[in-house]
Amino acid sequence: MEKKRILLVDDDELITMSLEMIISSEQEFEIVGKGKSGREAVRLYNELTPDLLLMDIRMNDMNGLEAAEEILRAHKDAVILFLTTFSDDEYIVKALKLGVKGYLLKQDYKSLPTALNAAINGQSVFGGAIIDKLPSLMNKDTDKPSVSDDSLNYESYGITEKEYEVIQLVAEGFSNKEIAQKLFLSEGTVRNYLSTILEKLSLRDRTQLAIFYLKNQE
């Protein structure tokens, strides 16, 4: 079995050693490089082109967000997963807009092998504490754009005005029942809308839909 190649970047050597032990204990993974700063993350990624970059955010020289932006500019398919102690709203929003595959808190280390696999397989991975924050992050955006707003480019996906209303309400954390009440629809109709939206946007579930919405906000 070909091992999945992981690059680790964290400015805390003790954490890097701990992560290496956790990841290397799983036979399917191989640590191919380690770095201590965002600058090293960029250099090592270009040299090694790993299957996944697991990186902290707050680091000297260049932080993780800046490094991710530079890497994704050069490697659009790069799989980057943040593992940090910081759940600041600003960091989460920036990470989602950059297009990283996930954002986990270091307290979630036990689920790390599963998260690595999911991210490498194309899924978005977010810790429970991060997912809980998404509705409040959506609600901070009080100036809701229309579906025709070029910055969102929803029309290119074939999203209708009504479907866009459903997307907004899902992103704000409302259940199907609550959405049905707000839009004067049946729950079955809302479910049908949601299935159609997920298919049009090639997304898997409500969480990915909320993340997609947030990433496309300017």
Protein backbone atom coordinates (compact mmCIF):
# COMPACT_ATOMS: atom_id res chain seq x y z
CA MET A 1 0.00 0.00 0.00
CA GLU A 2 1.37 3.39 -0.98
CA LYS A 3 1.66 5.61 2.05
CA LYS A 4 0.13 9.09 2.19
CA ARG A 5 2.87 11.69 2.44
CA ILE A 6 2.42 14.28 5.20
CA LEU A 7 4.33 17.54 5.75
CA LEU A 8 4.26 18.91 9.33
CA VAL A 9 4.85 22.60 10.11
CA ASP A 10 4.66 23.95 13.68
CA ASP A 11 7.01 26.26 15.58
CA ASP A 12 6.69 24.18 18.76
CA GLU A 13 9.13 21.24 18.52
CA LEU A 14 7.38 19.32 21.29
CA ILE A 15 4.06 19.50 19.44
CA THR A 16 5.75 18.49 16.19
CA MET A 17 7.26 15.44 17.91
CA SER A 18 3.88 14.50 19.41
CA LEU A 19 2.11 14.87 16.06
CA GLU A 20 4.80 12.82 14.35
CA MET A 21 4.26 10.00 16.88
CA ILE A 22 0.46 10.08 16.44
CA ILE A 23 0.59 10.15 12.65
CA SER A 24 3.45 7.67 12.22
CA SER A 25 1.63 5.16 14.42
CA GLU A 26 -0.82 4.77 11.53
CA GLN A 27 0.80 2.57 8.86
CA GLU A 28 -0.88 4.43 6.00
CA PHE A 29 0.96 7.71 6.67
CA GLU A 30 4.54 8.83 6.18
CA ILE A 31 6.05 12.06 7.50
CA VAL A 32 8.14 13.39 4.60
CA GLY A 33 9.20 16.71 6.10
CA LYS A 34 8.99 19.03 9.11
CA GLY A 35 9.18 22.82 9.34
CA LYS A 36 8.99 25.55 11.97
CA SER A 37 7.60 28.57 10.07
CA GLY A 38 5.33 29.60 7.25
CA ARG A 39 8.36 30.38 5.12
CA GLU A 40 9.64 26.84 5.62
CA ALA A 41 6.17 25.50 4.82
CA VAL A 42 6.26 27.18 1.40
CA ARG A 43 9.79 25.99 0.66
CA LEU A 44 9.19 22.42 1.81
CA TYR A 45 5.86 22.17 0.02
CA ASN A 46 7.48 23.22 -3.26
CA GLU A 47 10.28 20.70 -2.74
CA LEU A 48 8.23 17.74 -1.51
CA THR A 49 4.68 18.25 -2.93
CA PRO A 50 3.15 16.15 -0.11
CA ASP A 51 -0.34 14.67 -0.14
CA LEU A 52 -1.23 16.93 2.79
CA LEU A 53 0.28 19.84 4.70
CA LEU A 54 -0.63 19.92 8.40
CA MET A 55 0.22 23.38 9.70
CA ASP A 56 -0.16 25.72 12.65
CA ILE A 57 -1.36 29.31 12.12
CA ARG A 58 0.59 31.53 14.52
CA MET A 59 4.27 31.16 13.63
CA ASN A 60 7.28 33.43 13.25
CA ASP A 61 8.67 34.66 9.93
CA MET A 62 5.41 33.97 8.04
CA ASN A 63 2.17 32.78 9.62
CA GLY A 64 0.21 29.78 8.43
CA LEU A 65 -2.47 31.80 6.65
CA GLU A 66 0.11 33.69 4.61
CA ALA A 67 1.92 30.47 3.80
CA ALA A 68 -1.31 28.73 2.75
CA GLU A 69 -2.19 31.64 0.46
CA GLU A 70 1.19 31.48 -1.25
CA ILE A 71 1.09 27.69 -1.59
CA LEU A 72 -2.45 27.63 -2.98
CA ARG A 73 -1.55 30.35 -5.46
CA ALA A 74 1.10 28.06 -6.93
CA HIS A 75 -0.60 24.71 -6.23
CA LYS A 76 -4.37 25.04 -6.58
CA ASP A 77 -4.96 21.42 -5.58
CA ALA A 78 -2.83 21.59 -2.42
CA VAL A 79 -4.47 19.88 0.56
CA ILE A 80 -3.87 22.05 3.64
CA LEU A 81 -5.21 21.32 7.10
CA PHE A 82 -4.76 23.80 9.94
CA LEU A 83 -4.18 22.44 13.44
CA THR A 84 -4.07 25.27 15.97
CA THR A 85 -5.01 26.32 19.48
CA PHE A 86 -6.71 29.46 18.17
CA SER A 87 -10.39 29.57 17.18
CA ASP A 88 -10.46 33.30 16.40
CA ASP A 89 -13.31 34.18 14.02
CA GLU A 90 -10.94 36.16 11.81
CA TYR A 91 -8.64 33.18 11.39
CA ILE A 92 -11.51 30.81 10.58
CA VAL A 93 -13.04 33.12 7.98
CA LYS A 94 -9.69 33.76 6.33
CA ALA A 95 -8.88 30.03 6.25
CA LEU A 96 -12.22 29.17 4.66
CA LYS A 97 -11.88 31.88 2.04
CA LEU A 98 -8.39 30.66 1.15
CA GLY A 99 -9.81 27.24 0.38
CA VAL A 100 -7.97 25.07 2.91
CA LYS A 101 -9.41 21.62 3.52
CA GLY A 102 -9.91 21.96 7.22
CA TYR A 103 -9.45 23.73 10.52
CA LEU A 104 -8.97 21.71 13.68
CA LEU A 105 -8.09 22.64 17.23
CA LYS A 106 -5.17 20.86 18.86
CA GLN A 107 -7.54 19.48 21.47
CA ASP A 108 -9.01 17.38 18.61
CA TYR A 109 -5.72 15.49 18.14
CA LYS A 110 -7.36 12.11 18.78
CA SER A 111 -9.38 12.44 15.57
CA LEU A 112 -6.35 13.50 13.55
CA PRO A 113 -5.78 10.28 11.52
CA THR A 114 -9.43 10.25 10.45
CA ALA A 115 -9.25 13.96 9.59
CA LEU A 116 -6.11 13.47 7.50
CA ASN A 117 -7.75 10.70 5.47
CA ALA A 118 -10.92 12.70 4.96
CA ALA A 119 -9.03 15.80 3.78
CA ILE A 120 -6.83 13.81 1.40
CA ASN A 121 -10.01 12.25 -0.03
CA GLY A 122 -11.43 15.69 -0.78
CA GLN A 123 -13.68 16.24 2.21
CA SER A 124 -13.76 19.41 4.29
CA VAL A 125 -12.76 18.74 7.89
CA PHE A 126 -13.68 21.02 10.78
CA GLY A 127 -13.65 20.42 14.51
CA GLY A 128 -16.94 20.55 16.40
CA ALA A 129 -16.07 23.88 18.01
CA ILE A 130 -15.42 25.38 14.57
CA ILE A 131 -18.66 24.05 13.07
CA ASP A 132 -20.56 25.52 16.03
CA LYS A 133 -19.16 28.93 15.15
CA LEU A 134 -20.27 28.92 11.51
CA PRO A 135 -23.84 30.21 12.06
CA SER A 136 -22.63 33.19 14.10
CA LEU A 137 -20.00 33.97 11.49
CA MET A 138 -22.71 33.99 8.83
CA ASN A 139 -24.91 36.30 10.90
CA LYS A 140 -22.15 38.89 11.11
CA ASP A 141 -22.69 39.50 7.41
CA THR A 142 -25.75 41.74 7.55
CA ASP A 143 -25.49 43.03 3.97
CA LYS A 144 -26.68 39.97 2.06
CA PRO A 145 -25.84 40.09 -1.65
CA SER A 146 -28.24 38.90 -4.32
CA VAL A 147 -27.78 35.72 -6.30
CA SER A 148 -26.74 37.80 -9.29
CA ASP A 149 -23.82 39.38 -7.42
CA ASP A 150 -20.73 38.66 -9.55
CA SER A 151 -18.52 38.16 -6.48
CA LEU A 152 -20.49 35.02 -5.59
CA ASN A 153 -20.89 33.67 -9.13
CA TYR A 154 -23.83 31.45 -8.08
CA GLU A 155 -25.55 31.89 -11.44
CA SER A 156 -22.76 29.91 -13.09
CA TYR A 157 -23.90 26.96 -10.98
CA GLY A 158 -27.52 27.39 -12.05
CA ILE A 159 -28.63 28.50 -8.56
CA THR A 160 -32.03 30.23 -8.55
CA GLU A 161 -33.11 33.09 -6.28
CA LYS A 162 -35.17 30.73 -4.12
CA GLU A 163 -32.32 28.23 -3.87
CA TYR A 164 -30.01 31.06 -2.83
CA GLU A 165 -32.44 31.99 -0.03
CA VAL A 166 -32.28 28.38 1.17
CA ILE A 167 -28.46 28.49 1.07
CA GLN A 168 -28.40 31.65 3.20
CA LEU A 169 -30.72 30.16 5.80
CA VAL A 170 -28.79 26.87 5.96
CA ALA A 171 -25.58 28.87 6.42
CA GLU A 172 -27.20 30.81 9.26
CA GLY A 173 -27.92 27.56 11.09
CA PHE A 174 -31.67 27.15 10.52
CA SER A 175 -33.20 23.67 10.36
CA ASN A 176 -35.34 22.45 7.45
CA LYS A 177 -38.48 23.07 9.53
CA GLU A 178 -37.43 26.65 10.33
CA ILE A 179 -36.51 27.32 6.70
CA ALA A 180 -39.89 25.99 5.59
CA GLN A 181 -41.64 28.37 7.99
CA LYS A 182 -39.59 31.37 6.90
CA LEU A 183 -40.07 30.73 3.17
CA PHE A 184 -43.67 29.47 3.45
CA LEU A 185 -42.74 26.07 2.04
CA SER A 186 -43.25 22.48 3.16
CA GLU A 187 -40.36 20.64 4.79
CA GLY A 188 -40.39 18.20 1.87
CA THR A 189 -39.94 21.07 -0.58
CA VAL A 190 -37.03 22.40 1.46
CA ARG A 191 -35.41 18.95 1.43
CA ASN A 192 -35.84 18.81 -2.33
CA TYR A 193 -34.31 22.27 -2.71
CA LEU A 194 -31.38 21.25 -0.52
CA SER A 195 -30.75 18.04 -2.49
CA THR A 196 -30.79 20.00 -5.75
CA ILE A 197 -28.45 22.67 -4.37
CA LEU A 198 -25.94 20.10 -3.10
CA GLU A 199 -25.98 18.36 -6.48
CA LYS A 200 -25.48 21.63 -8.39
CA LEU A 201 -22.58 22.69 -6.18
CA SER A 202 -21.09 19.17 -5.94
CA LEU A 203 -21.24 19.29 -2.14
CA ARG A 204 -21.90 16.48 0.33
CA ASP A 205 -23.88 18.00 3.19
CA ARG A 206 -25.17 21.11 4.99
CA THR A 207 -21.83 21.79 6.65
CA GLN A 208 -20.02 21.88 3.32
CA LEU A 209 -22.77 24.15 1.98
CA ALA A 210 -22.33 26.60 4.87
CA ILE A 211 -18.57 26.57 4.32
CA PHE A 212 -19.03 27.15 0.59
CA TYR A 213 -21.27 30.15 1.31
CA LEU A 214 -18.81 31.66 3.76
CA LYS A 215 -15.84 31.15 1.41
CA ASN A 216 -17.67 33.05 -1.32
CA GLN A 217 -18.47 36.08 0.82
CA GLU A 218 -16.36 39.14 0.09
